[in-house]
């Protein structure tokens, strides 16, 4: 029987940093770009002569020829990182097993593996995080050795446990003589006990507190790059001290905070293959996944620290499908209609787990790709990144005729349901009202500047919507208590988000990854609507409006004064904050209300 090995990686990746500069301003995609930069010490040698193919990047990878290796590895993860591990396994001649949820049955990582096993429904709590299901998959694919024969590729459980708790890890680091930020290393009990420096959750992560660079200058200011070789060596020495203190035996990342005087202090340790590992690989030429697998098999590393150069520069942008109108906090779900990675450009690496036609789901991290560029200089890496981003083709799906009609039918059903609820009252016998509720409507639905006339009838447990000669059967499973609606149209599910109910038959509906403003009127009202005068928008560009109720603390100019665009003219105090009100145009102050 073949031996099966298990490798795990954290499901949720940590956020690096967001950038918005002139190179990205023209994009109208719901994408988030996360940036990570690797600094370097030049060694007078160019390594970038083999193009962008992943297999050519590992110019410095070392192993002993003919050394024993695993026959088969089960990869207990999904998406991009699973594909990344499979690429190295292929290079090493190791067979792979993918585990997948029902939602990932046609995912790239599922089809890329030699074998694939379904381990549960779409939610991670019922599939990827259910260890019993994963271990059963190990048995089903042929594990061999003592007990169930699982050998973990990654650090040992004691090291993960010790470093996973932010407070405990700091105590261990202190004992290992690693530089620590002065202050309390225990749990903060209350606000009075808190120091006015920085607050971090004891089990926190995810890169919280990152900020957006709104222009080129802010983006430049965000790069304070002054890690010299001596400082890097000192950091490395302390990272090794910490690793030895917990018996660490695989890939991991130690993070430090650095002040303006080049003092550095331990922050945390990530006990896994880090999200930014492609940067390390590009500037060292080492396949970290390969070395993790070798280490798990019991082989010694064929490197000294001197054998690990830092040659050149690398930059990583994490491309996400996120909703910028919700502070990048929600996935922008839907299907990738067009997707072409810029791999034709030299010195570009794309680590992704999707392809054209893939679905961005609500259930998982919406990362599309880790886009990495590298070069001999920082400028070269940046220029290549700009070119790569400009050459990246990512488009969400546009609606075809069938999908447009299905969305129209769904919208009509939502409107009809709302009408029925509005006319249903309990315990109101004293109020005279009609007992018979309407069961059919003739409506006009406007979606994407297209008006569709239809009729809809309420049936038992469903609505029947007739558009032209076609009748759509829409299940009556609409509940306005939840913005996420799973509604069946002709027997198949359509997952939509009712993001806003604006009244008067107006809605904002997220469908197939795009938010559509829709309007529903009965046909008679729609006919009369054409005769309504259009509301003239008032030009408020010369008026300074308070953004919220508050107290006017001061007015900086008087009537007749000239003011410039962006000049502060008043200060408003609201919600315990002082808000500066500025002029939107250059002109003269007239009066103040």
Protein backbone atom coordinates (compact mmCIF):
# COMPACT_ATOMS: atom_id res chain seq x y z
CA UNK A 1 0.00 0.00 0.00
CA UNK A 2 1.12 3.56 -0.64
CA UNK A 3 1.90 5.95 2.18
CA UNK A 4 -0.33 9.01 2.52
CA UNK A 5 0.88 12.18 4.16
CA UNK A 6 -1.18 15.10 5.38
CA UNK A 7 -0.35 18.77 4.97
CA UNK A 8 -2.43 21.60 6.36
CA UNK A 9 -2.41 25.34 5.84
CA UNK A 10 -4.45 28.08 7.48
CA UNK A 11 -7.77 28.64 5.67
CA UNK A 12 -7.89 32.39 6.18
CA UNK A 13 -4.85 34.28 4.91
CA UNK A 14 -3.47 37.36 6.63
CA UNK A 15 -3.85 40.73 4.98
CA UNK A 16 -0.67 42.46 3.89
CA UNK A 17 -1.41 46.01 2.75
CA UNK A 18 -3.68 47.75 0.30
CA UNK A 19 -2.44 50.17 -2.30
CA UNK A 20 -4.24 52.58 -4.55
CA UNK A 21 -1.96 54.50 -6.91
CA UNK A 22 -2.04 55.96 -10.39
CA UNK A 23 -1.34 52.54 -11.84
CA UNK A 24 -4.68 51.27 -10.56
CA UNK A 25 -7.00 54.29 -10.65
CA UNK A 26 -8.56 53.50 -14.01
CA UNK A 27 -9.83 50.07 -12.94
CA UNK A 28 -13.55 49.62 -12.29
CA UNK A 29 -13.34 46.05 -11.02
CA UNK A 30 -14.37 45.05 -7.52
CA UNK A 31 -10.82 43.93 -6.80
CA UNK A 32 -8.56 44.49 -3.85
CA UNK A 33 -4.81 44.60 -4.33
CA UNK A 34 -2.70 43.55 -1.38
CA UNK A 35 0.98 44.39 -1.54
CA UNK A 36 4.02 42.83 0.07
CA UNK A 37 7.61 43.78 -0.69
CA UNK A 38 10.80 41.82 -0.08
CA UNK A 39 13.89 43.94 0.43
CA UNK A 40 17.25 42.68 -0.73
CA UNK A 41 20.98 42.86 -0.55
CA UNK A 42 22.41 42.60 -4.04
CA UNK A 43 24.97 39.87 -4.67
CA UNK A 44 26.11 41.02 -8.11
CA UNK A 45 24.45 38.13 -9.91
CA UNK A 46 21.30 38.06 -12.01
CA UNK A 47 19.04 35.02 -11.61
CA UNK A 48 16.19 36.17 -13.81
CA UNK A 49 16.96 34.54 -17.14
CA UNK A 50 14.47 31.69 -17.24
CA UNK A 51 11.16 33.49 -17.72
CA UNK A 52 8.02 33.28 -15.65
CA UNK A 53 7.48 29.53 -15.36
CA UNK A 54 7.25 28.28 -11.78
CA UNK A 55 9.49 25.27 -12.34
CA UNK A 56 12.36 27.55 -13.40
CA UNK A 57 12.25 29.73 -10.30
CA UNK A 58 13.90 27.24 -7.99
CA UNK A 59 17.46 27.72 -9.16
CA UNK A 60 18.84 27.28 -5.62
CA UNK A 61 16.77 24.29 -4.50
CA UNK A 62 18.78 21.45 -2.98
CA UNK A 63 18.14 17.78 -2.17
CA UNK A 64 20.08 14.54 -2.08
CA UNK A 65 19.61 12.48 -5.22
CA UNK A 66 17.74 9.23 -4.61
CA UNK A 67 16.68 10.06 -1.05
CA UNK A 68 13.50 8.27 0.15
CA UNK A 69 10.31 10.25 -0.33
CA UNK A 70 6.56 10.00 0.21
CA UNK A 71 4.49 8.15 -2.37
CA UNK A 72 1.33 10.20 -1.96
CA UNK A 73 0.33 13.37 -0.14
CA UNK A 74 -3.18 14.36 0.89
CA UNK A 75 -3.56 18.13 0.82
CA UNK A 76 -6.09 19.19 3.43
CA UNK A 77 -6.83 22.59 1.94
CA UNK A 78 -8.43 24.15 -1.09
CA UNK A 79 -7.87 26.77 -3.78
CA UNK A 80 -4.61 28.48 -4.53
CA UNK A 81 -2.45 26.98 -1.78
CA UNK A 82 -3.58 23.43 -2.62
CA UNK A 83 -2.62 24.02 -6.26
CA UNK A 84 0.71 25.48 -5.13
CA UNK A 85 1.57 22.33 -3.13
CA UNK A 86 0.48 20.08 -6.02
CA UNK A 87 2.90 21.80 -8.40
CA UNK A 88 5.85 20.92 -6.19
CA UNK A 89 4.56 17.37 -5.68
CA UNK A 90 4.42 16.92 -9.45
CA UNK A 91 7.97 18.20 -9.72
CA UNK A 92 9.00 15.59 -7.14
CA UNK A 93 7.00 12.75 -8.68
CA UNK A 94 4.65 12.47 -5.68
CA UNK A 95 0.98 11.64 -6.23
CA UNK A 96 -1.59 13.94 -4.65
CA UNK A 97 -5.04 13.60 -3.13
CA UNK A 98 -7.39 16.58 -3.00
CA UNK A 99 -10.23 16.91 -0.53
CA UNK A 100 -13.12 19.11 -1.56
CA UNK A 101 -16.52 20.30 -0.44
CA UNK A 102 -19.64 19.82 -2.54
CA UNK A 103 -19.27 23.41 -3.76
CA UNK A 104 -15.68 22.71 -4.89
CA UNK A 105 -16.42 19.54 -6.86
CA UNK A 106 -15.28 21.21 -10.10
CA UNK A 107 -12.64 23.51 -8.57
CA UNK A 108 -9.18 23.70 -10.10
CA UNK A 109 -7.45 22.03 -7.13
CA UNK A 110 -9.98 19.18 -7.25
CA UNK A 111 -9.31 18.44 -10.91
CA UNK A 112 -5.56 19.04 -10.64
CA UNK A 113 -4.96 16.24 -8.11
CA UNK A 114 -4.43 12.57 -8.96
CA UNK A 115 -7.34 11.65 -6.68
CA UNK A 116 -10.17 13.69 -5.14
CA UNK A 117 -12.57 12.95 -2.28
CA UNK A 118 -15.64 14.93 -1.22
CA UNK A 119 -15.61 15.61 2.53
CA UNK A 120 -18.88 17.49 3.08
CA UNK A 121 -21.13 20.47 2.25
CA UNK A 122 -19.90 23.91 1.27
CA UNK A 123 -19.46 25.54 4.74
CA UNK A 124 -15.92 24.98 6.05
CA UNK A 125 -17.30 23.95 9.44
CA UNK A 126 -18.92 20.97 7.71
CA UNK A 127 -16.09 20.04 5.36
CA UNK A 128 -12.54 21.44 5.37
CA UNK A 129 -12.44 21.90 9.15
CA UNK A 130 -13.91 18.49 10.03
CA UNK A 131 -10.82 16.49 10.93
CA UNK A 132 -12.65 13.16 11.08
CA UNK A 133 -13.69 13.53 7.44
CA UNK A 134 -10.14 14.37 6.40
CA UNK A 135 -8.66 11.44 8.29
CA UNK A 136 -11.26 9.15 6.74
CA UNK A 137 -10.10 10.41 3.34
CA UNK A 138 -6.55 9.45 4.35
CA UNK A 139 -7.71 5.91 5.16
CA UNK A 140 -9.73 5.62 1.96
CA UNK A 141 -6.74 6.56 -0.18
CA UNK A 142 -4.35 4.06 1.36
CA UNK A 143 -2.53 5.15 4.51
CA UNK A 144 0.24 2.95 5.89
CA UNK A 145 2.16 2.88 9.21
CA UNK A 146 1.28 2.77 12.89
CA UNK A 147 -2.31 3.52 13.87
CA UNK A 148 -3.85 5.43 10.95
CA UNK A 149 -0.46 6.29 9.46
CA UNK A 150 -0.79 10.06 9.14
CA UNK A 151 2.41 12.06 9.04
CA UNK A 152 1.92 15.79 9.30
CA UNK A 153 3.84 18.07 6.94
CA UNK A 154 4.40 21.22 8.95
CA UNK A 155 5.53 22.17 12.45
CA UNK A 156 4.69 19.90 15.38
CA UNK A 157 1.48 20.47 17.32
CA UNK A 158 3.29 21.71 20.45
CA UNK A 159 5.00 24.47 18.47
CA UNK A 160 1.74 25.46 16.77
CA UNK A 161 -0.05 25.57 20.12
CA UNK A 162 2.71 27.59 21.81
CA UNK A 163 3.06 30.14 19.02
CA UNK A 164 -0.67 30.37 18.26
CA UNK A 165 -1.45 32.22 21.49
CA UNK A 166 -0.10 35.76 21.20
CA UNK A 167 0.45 36.15 24.94
CA UNK A 168 2.07 32.76 25.52
CA UNK A 169 4.31 33.24 22.46
CA UNK A 170 5.61 36.52 23.90
CA UNK A 171 6.47 34.83 27.19
CA UNK A 172 8.36 32.10 25.33
CA UNK A 173 10.15 34.73 23.23
CA UNK A 174 11.17 36.61 26.39
CA UNK A 175 12.65 33.44 27.85
CA UNK A 176 14.51 32.85 24.56
CA UNK A 177 16.08 36.34 24.86
CA UNK A 178 14.22 37.72 21.84
CA UNK A 179 13.73 41.50 21.76
CA UNK A 180 10.35 42.40 23.24
CA UNK A 181 8.35 45.64 23.30
CA UNK A 182 8.61 47.05 26.84
CA UNK A 183 5.37 46.70 28.77
CA UNK A 184 2.86 44.23 30.13
CA UNK A 185 2.87 40.73 28.58
CA UNK A 186 -0.35 39.46 30.17
CA UNK A 187 -4.05 39.85 29.46
CA UNK A 188 -5.36 43.42 29.69
CA UNK A 189 -8.20 43.29 32.23
CA UNK A 190 -10.03 46.55 31.49
CA UNK A 191 -9.68 50.01 29.98
CA UNK A 192 -7.92 51.36 33.10
CA UNK A 193 -5.34 48.60 32.79
CA UNK A 194 -4.64 49.41 29.14
CA UNK A 195 -1.48 51.18 28.03
CA UNK A 196 -1.86 53.94 25.42
CA UNK A 197 0.44 52.32 22.87
CA UNK A 198 -1.14 49.55 20.83
CA UNK A 199 -3.90 47.04 21.46
CA UNK A 200 -3.89 43.60 19.81
CA UNK A 201 -6.22 40.67 20.39
CA UNK A 202 -4.48 37.74 22.11
CA UNK A 203 -5.62 35.41 19.29
CA UNK A 204 -5.94 38.10 16.67
CA UNK A 205 -4.62 38.19 13.15
CA UNK A 206 -5.67 38.95 9.64
CA UNK A 207 -3.67 42.14 9.20
CA UNK A 208 -6.24 44.34 10.92
CA UNK A 209 -5.39 48.03 11.03
CA UNK A 210 -3.98 48.29 7.53
CA UNK A 211 -4.66 51.50 5.70
CA UNK A 212 -5.21 52.54 2.10
CA UNK A 213 -2.73 54.72 0.26
CA UNK A 214 -5.01 57.17 -1.54
CA UNK A 215 -2.40 58.65 -3.86
CA UNK A 216 1.13 58.17 -5.17
CA UNK A 217 2.73 60.17 -2.35
CA UNK A 218 1.01 58.20 0.40
CA UNK A 219 2.06 55.00 -1.34
CA UNK A 220 5.69 56.19 -1.40
CA UNK A 221 5.48 57.23 2.26
CA UNK A 222 4.36 53.72 3.18
CA UNK A 223 7.73 52.32 2.07
CA UNK A 224 10.22 53.22 5.30
CA UNK A 225 12.87 50.47 3.58
CA UNK A 226 16.01 50.49 5.67
CA UNK A 227 16.64 46.88 6.67
CA UNK A 228 20.39 46.48 6.19
CA UNK A 229 22.29 43.15 6.19
CA UNK A 230 23.36 43.49 9.85
CA UNK A 231 19.80 44.17 11.00
CA UNK A 232 18.53 41.26 8.89
CA UNK A 233 21.12 38.94 10.43
CA UNK A 234 20.18 39.98 13.96
CA UNK A 235 16.52 39.35 13.18
CA UNK A 236 17.37 35.97 11.71
CA UNK A 237 19.44 35.00 14.76
CA UNK A 238 16.57 35.83 17.10
CA UNK A 239 14.09 33.98 14.91
CA UNK A 240 16.32 30.90 15.20
CA UNK A 241 16.52 31.32 18.99
CA UNK A 242 12.72 31.36 19.17
CA UNK A 243 12.37 28.37 16.84
CA UNK A 244 14.78 26.35 18.96
CA UNK A 245 12.92 27.35 22.14
CA UNK A 246 9.73 25.64 20.94
CA UNK A 247 11.32 22.78 19.00
CA UNK A 248 10.17 24.16 15.68
CA UNK A 249 10.75 21.84 12.71
CA UNK A 250 9.23 23.24 9.51
CA UNK A 251 8.54 26.44 7.58
CA UNK A 252 7.32 29.40 9.60
CA UNK A 253 7.49 33.18 9.77
CA UNK A 254 8.60 35.34 12.69
CA UNK A 255 7.29 38.91 12.55
CA UNK A 256 8.96 41.91 14.19
CA UNK A 257 7.99 45.55 14.69
CA UNK A 258 10.73 48.05 13.79
CA UNK A 259 11.06 51.61 15.08
CA UNK A 260 12.72 54.62 13.49
CA UNK A 261 16.04 53.80 15.16
CA UNK A 262 16.16 50.27 13.72
CA UNK A 263 15.25 48.66 17.00
CA UNK A 264 13.08 45.61 16.38
CA UNK A 265 10.68 43.78 18.66
CA UNK A 266 8.97 40.40 18.44
CA UNK A 267 5.30 40.57 17.35
CA UNK A 268 4.18 37.03 16.52
CA UNK A 269 5.06 33.81 14.72
CA UNK A 270 2.97 32.32 11.91
CA UNK A 271 3.33 28.55 12.20
CA UNK A 272 2.63 27.64 8.59
CA UNK A 273 3.58 28.24 5.00
CA UNK A 274 3.11 32.00 4.92
CA UNK A 275 1.01 33.81 2.33
CA UNK A 276 4.06 35.77 1.23
CA UNK A 277 6.24 32.68 0.71
CA UNK A 278 6.44 33.27 -3.11
CA UNK A 279 8.43 36.43 -2.37
CA UNK A 280 10.99 34.46 -0.38
CA UNK A 281 11.17 31.85 -3.12
CA UNK A 282 11.73 34.45 -5.84
CA UNK A 283 14.67 36.11 -4.08
CA UNK A 284 16.28 32.93 -2.70
CA UNK A 285 15.54 30.40 -5.45
CA UNK A 286 14.40 27.81 -2.89
CA UNK A 287 11.19 25.78 -3.17
CA UNK A 288 9.93 26.09 0.42
CA UNK A 289 7.20 23.49 -0.09
CA UNK A 290 9.81 21.01 -1.30
CA UNK A 291 11.92 21.63 1.78
CA UNK A 292 8.87 21.24 4.05
CA UNK A 293 8.15 17.85 2.50
CA UNK A 294 11.79 16.76 2.84
CA UNK A 295 11.85 17.88 6.48
CA UNK A 296 8.65 15.95 7.24
CA UNK A 297 10.27 12.84 5.77
CA UNK A 298 13.16 13.26 8.18
CA UNK A 299 15.82 14.61 5.80
CA UNK A 300 18.27 17.27 6.95
CA UNK A 301 18.29 20.59 5.13
CA UNK A 302 21.11 20.76 2.59
CA UNK A 303 21.71 24.44 3.41
CA UNK A 304 23.61 26.62 5.76
CA UNK A 305 22.42 30.18 6.22
CA UNK A 306 25.23 31.29 3.92
CA UNK A 307 23.65 29.23 1.12
CA UNK A 308 20.44 31.31 1.31
CA UNK A 309 21.00 34.56 -0.60
CA UNK A 310 18.66 37.51 -0.84
CA UNK A 311 19.09 38.29 -4.50
CA UNK A 312 16.96 40.96 -6.13
CA UNK A 313 13.53 42.32 -5.27
CA UNK A 314 10.06 40.78 -5.29
CA UNK A 315 6.60 42.30 -4.86
CA UNK A 316 3.37 40.43 -4.21
CA UNK A 317 -0.10 41.79 -4.94
CA UNK A 318 -2.96 39.70 -3.65
CA UNK A 319 -5.85 40.12 -6.04
CA UNK A 320 -9.22 39.67 -4.37
CA UNK A 321 -12.86 39.70 -5.43
CA UNK A 322 -14.14 41.98 -2.70
CA UNK A 323 -16.84 44.62 -2.44
CA UNK A 324 -15.17 48.05 -2.11
CA UNK A 325 -18.49 49.61 -1.07
CA UNK A 326 -18.52 47.44 2.06
CA UNK A 327 -15.01 48.34 3.17
CA UNK A 328 -13.66 45.33 1.25
CA UNK A 329 -15.25 43.15 3.92
CA UNK A 330 -17.61 41.08 1.77
CA UNK A 331 -16.86 38.80 -1.19
CA UNK A 332 -17.97 40.07 -4.58
CA UNK A 333 -19.45 36.74 -5.57
CA UNK A 334 -20.16 35.47 -9.06
CA UNK A 335 -18.58 33.72 -12.00
CA UNK A 336 -15.35 34.79 -13.70
CA UNK A 337 -16.53 35.40 -17.24
CA UNK A 338 -13.09 36.26 -18.62
CA UNK A 339 -9.81 35.45 -16.92
CA UNK A 340 -6.29 35.63 -18.37
CA UNK A 341 -3.21 35.76 -16.14
CA UNK A 342 -0.25 37.88 -17.36
CA UNK A 343 2.15 34.94 -17.52
CA UNK A 344 3.44 35.99 -20.94
CA UNK A 345 5.45 38.72 -19.19
CA UNK A 346 8.97 37.74 -18.01
CA UNK A 347 9.57 37.72 -14.25
CA UNK A 348 5.89 37.25 -13.38
CA UNK A 349 4.53 34.49 -11.16
CA UNK A 350 0.81 33.80 -10.57
CA UNK A 351 -0.23 31.53 -7.72
CA UNK A 352 -3.95 30.96 -8.22
CA UNK A 353 -6.58 28.31 -7.74
CA UNK A 354 -9.12 29.51 -10.27
CA UNK A 355 -9.53 29.72 -14.01
CA UNK A 356 -11.93 31.19 -16.53
CA UNK A 357 -15.43 30.11 -15.55
CA UNK A 358 -14.61 29.61 -11.86
CA UNK A 359 -17.14 30.69 -9.27
CA UNK A 360 -16.31 33.16 -6.50
CA UNK A 361 -18.27 31.77 -3.56
CA UNK A 362 -19.62 33.30 -0.36
CA UNK A 363 -18.23 30.37 1.60
CA UNK A 364 -14.48 30.87 1.15
CA UNK A 365 -11.80 33.51 1.05
CA UNK A 366 -12.34 35.41 -2.24
CA UNK A 367 -8.67 35.60 -3.23
CA UNK A 368 -8.22 35.25 -6.97
CA UNK A 369 -4.44 35.22 -7.23
CA UNK A 370 -1.13 36.04 -5.60
CA UNK A 371 0.58 38.00 -8.35
CA UNK A 372 4.35 38.22 -7.85
CA UNK A 373 6.91 40.13 -9.89
CA UNK A 374 10.65 40.16 -9.35
CA UNK A 375 13.78 41.79 -10.76
CA UNK A 376 17.31 42.96 -10.10
CA UNK A 377 16.11 46.27 -8.67
CA UNK A 378 13.06 47.53 -6.85
CA UNK A 379 12.17 49.79 -9.76
CA UNK A 380 12.33 46.86 -12.14
CA UNK A 381 10.01 44.79 -9.94
CA UNK A 382 7.57 47.69 -9.58
CA UNK A 383 7.53 48.45 -13.31
CA UNK A 384 6.89 44.80 -14.07
CA UNK A 385 4.05 44.77 -11.54
CA UNK A 386 2.39 47.78 -13.20
CA UNK A 387 2.66 46.07 -16.59
CA UNK A 388 1.34 42.79 -15.16
CA UNK A 389 -1.67 44.49 -13.57
CA UNK A 390 -2.40 46.37 -16.79
CA UNK A 391 -2.23 43.06 -18.68
CA UNK A 392 -4.39 41.13 -16.21
CA UNK A 393 -7.81 40.30 -17.70
CA UNK A 394 -10.45 39.76 -14.99
CA UNK A 395 -14.12 40.26 -15.76
CA UNK A 396 -17.21 39.24 -13.87
CA UNK A 397 -20.09 37.63 -15.72
CA UNK A 398 -22.55 39.72 -17.58
CA UNK A 399 -26.14 38.57 -17.76
CA UNK A 400 -27.41 36.72 -20.80
CA UNK A 401 -31.06 36.75 -21.88
CA UNK A 402 -32.06 33.77 -19.73
CA UNK A 403 -30.38 35.18 -16.61
CA UNK A 404 -31.95 38.59 -17.22
CA UNK A 405 -35.40 37.03 -17.38
CA UNK A 406 -34.74 34.94 -14.28
CA UNK A 407 -33.68 38.05 -12.36
CA UNK A 408 -36.80 39.80 -13.65
CA UNK A 409 -38.98 36.92 -12.40
CA UNK A 410 -37.21 36.95 -9.02
CA UNK A 411 -37.71 40.69 -8.67
CA UNK A 412 -41.40 40.39 -9.52
CA UNK A 413 -41.81 37.67 -6.89
CA UNK A 414 -40.06 39.82 -4.27
CA UNK A 415 -42.39 42.72 -5.09
CA UNK A 416 -45.50 40.48 -4.92
CA UNK A 417 -44.37 39.02 -1.58
CA UNK A 418 -43.85 42.51 -0.20
CA UNK A 419 -47.34 43.51 -1.34
CA UNK A 420 -48.90 40.49 0.37
CA UNK A 421 -47.06 41.15 3.63
CA UNK A 422 -48.07 44.83 3.57
CA UNK A 423 -51.76 43.86 3.35
CA UNK A 424 -51.71 41.18 6.03
CA UNK A 425 -52.63 42.26 9.58
CA UNK A 426 -53.18 40.22 12.72
CA UNK A 427 -55.75 40.99 15.44
CA UNK A 428 -57.17 43.98 13.56
CA UNK A 429 -60.86 43.00 13.38
CA UNK A 430 -61.99 46.46 14.45
CA UNK A 431 -60.41 48.07 11.41
CA UNK A 432 -62.53 47.64 8.26
CA UNK A 433 -60.48 46.17 5.43
CA UNK A 434 -60.85 43.90 2.46
CA UNK A 435 -60.40 40.26 3.39
CA UNK A 436 -59.43 39.04 -0.06
CA UNK A 437 -55.78 39.59 -0.89
CA UNK A 438 -54.75 40.15 -4.52
CA UNK A 439 -53.41 37.00 -6.14
CA UNK A 440 -52.22 38.41 -9.47
CA UNK A 441 -50.48 41.52 -10.72
CA UNK A 442 -49.55 43.07 -14.05
CA UNK A 443 -46.15 44.65 -13.59
CA UNK A 444 -43.42 46.53 -15.41
CA UNK A 445 -39.90 45.68 -14.21
CA UNK A 446 -36.91 47.86 -15.08
CA UNK A 447 -33.45 46.26 -14.97
CA UNK A 448 -30.31 47.74 -16.53
CA UNK A 449 -32.36 50.33 -18.45
CA UNK A 450 -34.61 47.62 -19.92
CA UNK A 451 -38.35 47.58 -19.20
CA UNK A 452 -40.11 44.21 -19.16
CA UNK A 453 -43.90 43.81 -18.91
CA UNK A 454 -45.09 40.66 -17.17
CA UNK A 455 -47.90 39.10 -15.19
CA UNK A 456 -47.44 37.24 -11.91
CA UNK A 457 -49.85 34.97 -10.08
CA UNK A 458 -49.68 33.62 -6.52
CA UNK A 459 -50.07 29.85 -6.35
CA UNK A 460 -49.70 27.37 -3.50
CA UNK A 461 -46.06 27.64 -2.34
CA UNK A 462 -44.87 29.51 -5.43
CA UNK A 463 -45.31 32.42 -7.81
CA UNK A 464 -45.82 31.93 -11.55
CA UNK A 465 -44.33 34.71 -13.63
CA UNK A 466 -45.22 34.99 -17.30
CA UNK A 467 -42.78 36.91 -19.48
CA UNK A 468 -43.86 36.73 -23.10
CA UNK A 469 -44.62 33.09 -23.88
CA UNK A 470 -42.45 31.75 -21.02
CA UNK A 471 -43.73 30.98 -17.51
CA UNK A 472 -41.21 30.89 -14.64
CA UNK A 473 -42.06 29.08 -11.40
CA UNK A 474 -40.52 30.91 -8.44
CA UNK A 475 -40.62 29.27 -5.00
CA UNK A 476 -42.25 31.28 -2.22
CA UNK A 477 -39.27 31.05 0.14
CA UNK A 478 -38.77 34.82 0.38
CA UNK A 479 -38.10 36.17 3.87
CA UNK A 480 -37.19 39.80 4.37
CA UNK A 481 -35.58 39.02 7.73
CA UNK A 482 -32.46 37.80 5.91
CA UNK A 483 -30.77 39.75 3.08
CA UNK A 484 -29.41 36.50 1.62
CA UNK A 485 -32.18 34.69 -0.27
CA UNK A 486 -32.01 31.18 -1.70
CA UNK A 487 -34.92 31.00 -4.16
CA UNK A 488 -35.68 28.25 -6.65
CA UNK A 489 -36.52 29.24 -10.22
CA UNK A 490 -37.95 26.31 -12.20
CA UNK A 491 -36.44 23.93 -9.68
CA UNK A 492 -32.86 25.24 -9.52
CA UNK A 493 -31.53 27.49 -6.77
CA UNK A 494 -30.60 31.12 -7.31
CA UNK A 495 -28.68 32.76 -4.47
CA UNK A 496 -29.28 36.52 -4.38
CA UNK A 497 -28.66 39.30 -1.89
CA UNK A 498 -31.38 41.86 -1.31
CA UNK A 499 -28.94 44.57 -0.34
CA UNK A 500 -31.47 47.41 -0.16
CA UNK A 501 -35.24 47.91 -0.14
CA UNK A 502 -35.67 51.55 -1.09
CA UNK A 503 -39.48 51.68 -1.12
CA UNK A 504 -41.81 52.34 -4.02
CA UNK A 505 -40.83 49.07 -5.67
CA UNK A 506 -37.14 50.00 -5.86
CA UNK A 507 -34.47 47.49 -4.82
CA UNK A 508 -30.74 46.88 -4.97
CA UNK A 509 -30.22 43.17 -5.76
CA UNK A 510 -26.89 41.36 -5.97
CA UNK A 511 -27.16 38.65 -8.63
CA UNK A 512 -24.32 36.67 -10.23
CA UNK A 513 -21.76 38.87 -8.46
CA UNK A 514 -23.15 42.23 -9.61
CA UNK A 515 -25.46 44.69 -7.85
CA UNK A 516 -28.40 45.69 -10.04
CA UNK A 517 -30.71 48.62 -9.29
CA UNK A 518 -34.22 47.39 -10.17
CA UNK A 519 -37.61 49.06 -10.16
CA UNK A 520 -41.07 47.46 -10.15
CA UNK A 521 -44.31 49.31 -10.97
CA UNK A 522 -47.75 48.12 -11.85
CA UNK A 523 -48.31 48.61 -15.57
CA UNK A 524 -50.82 51.46 -15.19
CA UNK A 525 -48.44 53.41 -12.93
CA UNK A 526 -45.59 52.71 -15.33
CA UNK A 527 -47.65 54.15 -18.20
CA UNK A 528 -48.41 57.34 -16.22
CA UNK A 529 -44.80 57.56 -15.03
CA UNK A 530 -43.73 58.76 -18.47
CA UNK A 531 -45.74 61.94 -17.92
CA UNK A 532 -44.07 62.78 -14.60
CA UNK A 533 -41.68 65.77 -14.72
CA UNK A 534 -38.07 64.90 -13.96
CA UNK A 535 -36.66 66.21 -10.72
CA UNK A 536 -33.98 68.80 -11.35
CA UNK A 537 -30.83 68.11 -9.36
CA UNK A 538 -29.71 71.13 -7.34
CA UNK A 539 -26.10 72.17 -7.78
CA UNK A 540 -24.63 72.08 -4.27
CA UNK A 541 -20.99 72.37 -5.32
CA UNK A 542 -20.88 75.97 -4.07
CA UNK A 543 -22.58 75.11 -0.78
CA UNK A 544 -20.77 73.67 2.22
CA UNK A 545 -23.08 71.18 3.91
CA UNK A 546 -22.60 69.63 7.33
CA UNK A 547 -22.25 65.86 6.92
CA UNK A 548 -24.05 65.24 10.24
CA UNK A 549 -25.86 67.13 13.03
CA UNK A 550 -23.50 68.85 15.41
CA UNK A 551 -22.27 72.07 16.98
CA UNK A 552 -20.57 74.68 14.84
CA UNK A 553 -17.42 75.35 16.84
CA UNK A 554 -15.81 77.94 14.61
CA UNK A 555 -16.08 79.73 11.26
CA UNK A 556 -12.73 80.58 9.74
CA UNK A 557 -13.82 83.14 7.13
CA UNK A 558 -16.23 86.06 6.95
CA UNK A 559 -18.61 87.25 4.23
CA UNK A 560 -16.70 88.53 1.23
CA UNK A 561 -13.51 86.59 1.93
CA UNK A 562 -11.93 84.68 -0.93
CA UNK A 563 -11.58 80.95 -0.34
CA UNK A 564 -9.64 78.30 -2.23
CA UNK A 565 -10.65 74.77 -3.10
CA UNK A 566 -9.87 72.51 -0.13
CA UNK A 567 -9.55 75.41 2.33
CA UNK A 568 -11.03 74.90 5.79
CA UNK A 569 -13.94 77.29 6.35
CA UNK A 570 -15.55 75.89 9.50
CA UNK A 571 -15.21 73.26 12.22
CA UNK A 572 -18.15 71.10 13.27
CA UNK A 573 -18.14 69.16 16.54
CA UNK A 574 -20.14 65.95 16.39
CA UNK A 575 -19.85 62.52 18.02
CA UNK A 576 -16.94 63.72 20.22
CA UNK A 577 -14.90 64.60 17.14
CA UNK A 578 -14.08 67.83 15.39
CA UNK A 579 -14.74 67.72 11.66
CA UNK A 580 -13.14 70.15 9.24
CA UNK A 581 -15.52 71.52 6.60
CA UNK A 582 -13.71 72.59 3.43
CA UNK A 583 -14.62 74.52 0.30
CA UNK A 584 -15.30 72.39 -2.77
CA UNK A 585 -14.58 75.28 -5.14
CA UNK A 586 -12.55 78.47 -5.27
CA UNK A 587 -14.72 81.55 -4.74
CA UNK A 588 -15.98 84.06 -2.19
CA UNK A 589 -17.89 83.42 1.01
CA UNK A 590 -21.42 84.73 0.79
CA UNK A 591 -23.22 83.97 4.04
CA UNK A 592 -23.60 81.35 6.75
CA UNK A 593 -26.80 79.68 7.98
